[in-house]
Amino acid sequence: MDVEVDLYSGRPNPRFRLDPATGTELLRRLAGLDPAPAPDARSEPLGYRGLRVEPGSAGAPIAEVVIAGGAVLVRERGGRELWLVDRGRELERWLAGQAGTGLDSGVLSVLRQELS
């Protein structure tokens, strides 16, 4: 699974890869989240906007997961969208913590500041 840090406008966002065991743990954590109604439309802020996960396998039922600000959007390959609650941004913090050395120190600093 690849994780994109949605941070920049006009240039490529930083990315890091999850090993298979961490990807499995992410799916386990997603399964434990409560459903939520779709949030009201909001403007896209500048700077950090969240984390996007791409499962990477064409056979996976999930096409994309977007984790930002206490909300999780799961987009399935069939087109269905499911919203979940990330209480206290625990999933977002955990996933950002999995970047390890996969991101440069400046990006890690932004993540720590945004999620503290």
Protein backbone atom coordinates (compact mmCIF):
# COMPACT_ATOMS: atom_id res chain seq x y z
CA MET A 1 0.00 0.00 0.00
CA ASP A 2 1.17 3.49 -0.82
CA VAL A 3 0.39 6.50 1.37
CA GLU A 4 0.39 10.02 -0.04
CA VAL A 5 0.74 13.00 2.30
CA ASP A 6 -1.67 15.55 0.77
CA LEU A 7 0.49 18.59 1.41
CA TYR A 8 1.39 20.51 -1.73
CA SER A 9 -0.48 22.32 -4.45
CA GLY A 10 1.16 22.37 -7.84
CA ARG A 11 3.90 19.84 -7.17
CA PRO A 12 4.03 16.13 -6.33
CA ASN A 13 3.07 15.15 -2.80
CA PRO A 14 5.46 13.04 -0.69
CA ARG A 15 4.68 9.33 -0.46
CA PHE A 16 5.71 6.35 1.60
CA ARG A 17 4.98 2.64 1.35
CA LEU A 18 3.46 0.36 3.97
CA ASP A 19 4.82 -3.15 4.34
CA PRO A 20 2.20 -5.95 4.08
CA ALA A 21 1.86 -6.42 7.86
CA THR A 22 1.25 -2.69 8.41
CA GLY A 23 -1.24 -2.67 5.53
CA THR A 24 -3.13 -5.51 7.20
CA GLU A 25 -3.11 -3.58 10.49
CA LEU A 26 -4.50 -0.51 8.71
CA LEU A 27 -7.40 -2.58 7.35
CA ARG A 28 -8.04 -4.01 10.82
CA ARG A 29 -8.15 -0.50 12.29
CA LEU A 30 -10.47 0.72 9.53
CA ALA A 31 -12.87 -2.13 10.27
CA GLY A 32 -13.09 -0.94 13.89
CA LEU A 33 -14.24 2.60 13.05
CA ASP A 34 -17.84 3.72 13.38
CA PRO A 35 -19.88 4.88 10.37
CA ALA A 36 -20.50 8.60 9.96
CA PRO A 37 -22.65 10.78 7.75
CA ALA A 38 -20.90 12.47 4.84
CA PRO A 39 -19.53 15.80 6.02
CA ASP A 40 -20.75 19.08 4.57
CA ALA A 41 -18.71 20.33 1.63
CA ARG A 42 -15.79 22.41 2.79
CA SER A 43 -13.08 24.40 1.11
CA GLU A 44 -9.66 22.86 0.62
CA PRO A 45 -7.15 24.55 2.93
CA LEU A 46 -3.59 25.28 1.91
CA GLY A 47 -0.92 23.06 3.42
CA TYR A 48 -1.59 19.68 4.99
CA ARG A 49 -4.97 18.19 4.00
CA GLY A 50 -4.64 14.58 5.14
CA LEU A 51 -3.40 11.16 4.05
CA ARG A 52 -4.48 9.18 0.98
CA VAL A 53 -3.97 5.43 0.88
CA GLU A 54 -3.93 3.44 -2.34
CA PRO A 55 -4.11 -0.33 -1.75
CA GLY A 56 -2.07 -1.00 -4.89
CA SER A 57 -3.70 -4.31 -5.75
CA ALA A 58 -6.16 -4.27 -8.63
CA GLY A 59 -8.05 -7.10 -6.93
CA ALA A 60 -8.58 -5.21 -3.66
CA PRO A 61 -12.18 -4.08 -3.01
CA ILE A 62 -10.93 -0.68 -1.78
CA ALA A 63 -9.74 1.83 -4.38
CA GLU A 64 -8.71 4.61 -1.99
CA VAL A 65 -8.88 5.67 1.64
CA VAL A 66 -8.69 9.36 2.59
CA ILE A 67 -7.98 10.16 6.26
CA ALA A 68 -8.22 13.78 7.36
CA GLY A 69 -9.33 15.80 10.36
CA GLY A 70 -11.27 13.08 12.15
CA ALA A 71 -13.05 11.73 9.07
CA VAL A 72 -12.25 8.74 6.89
CA LEU A 73 -13.57 8.25 3.37
CA VAL A 74 -13.36 4.73 1.96
CA ARG A 75 -13.89 4.55 -1.80
CA GLU A 76 -14.66 1.08 -3.05
CA ARG A 77 -13.81 -0.06 -6.58
CA GLY A 78 -17.52 -0.44 -7.35
CA GLY A 79 -18.02 3.30 -6.75
CA ARG A 80 -19.58 3.14 -3.28
CA GLU A 81 -18.29 5.62 -0.69
CA LEU A 82 -18.32 4.97 3.04
CA TRP A 83 -17.64 7.62 5.67
CA LEU A 84 -16.18 6.68 9.07
CA VAL A 85 -15.30 8.57 12.25
CA ASP A 86 -11.63 8.78 13.28
CA ARG A 87 -12.13 9.84 16.90
CA GLY A 88 -9.29 11.96 18.18
CA ARG A 89 -7.59 11.48 14.80
CA GLU A 90 -6.10 8.26 16.22
CA LEU A 91 -5.97 6.46 12.86
CA GLU A 92 -4.46 9.49 11.13
CA ARG A 93 -1.79 9.84 13.84
CA TRP A 94 -1.01 6.11 13.77
CA LEU A 95 -0.68 6.07 9.98
CA ALA A 96 1.52 9.18 9.91
CA GLY A 97 3.72 7.47 12.50
CA GLN A 98 4.30 4.58 10.10
CA ALA A 99 6.25 6.82 7.69
CA GLY A 100 9.50 6.27 9.59
CA THR A 101 12.37 7.20 7.31
CA GLY A 102 10.12 7.12 4.24
CA LEU A 103 9.67 10.90 4.37
CA ASP A 104 12.17 13.73 4.68
CA SER A 105 12.55 15.52 8.00
CA GLY A 106 10.68 18.64 6.84
CA VAL A 107 7.56 16.66 5.93
CA LEU A 108 7.77 14.67 9.17
CA SER A 109 7.98 17.96 11.09
CA VAL A 110 4.84 19.27 9.36
CA LEU A 111 2.98 16.04 10.17
CA ARG A 112 4.00 16.17 13.82
CA GLN A 113 2.91 19.79 14.10
CA GLU A 114 -0.42 19.23 12.35
CA LEU A 115 -1.28 16.12 14.36
CA SER A 116 -0.11 17.27 17.82
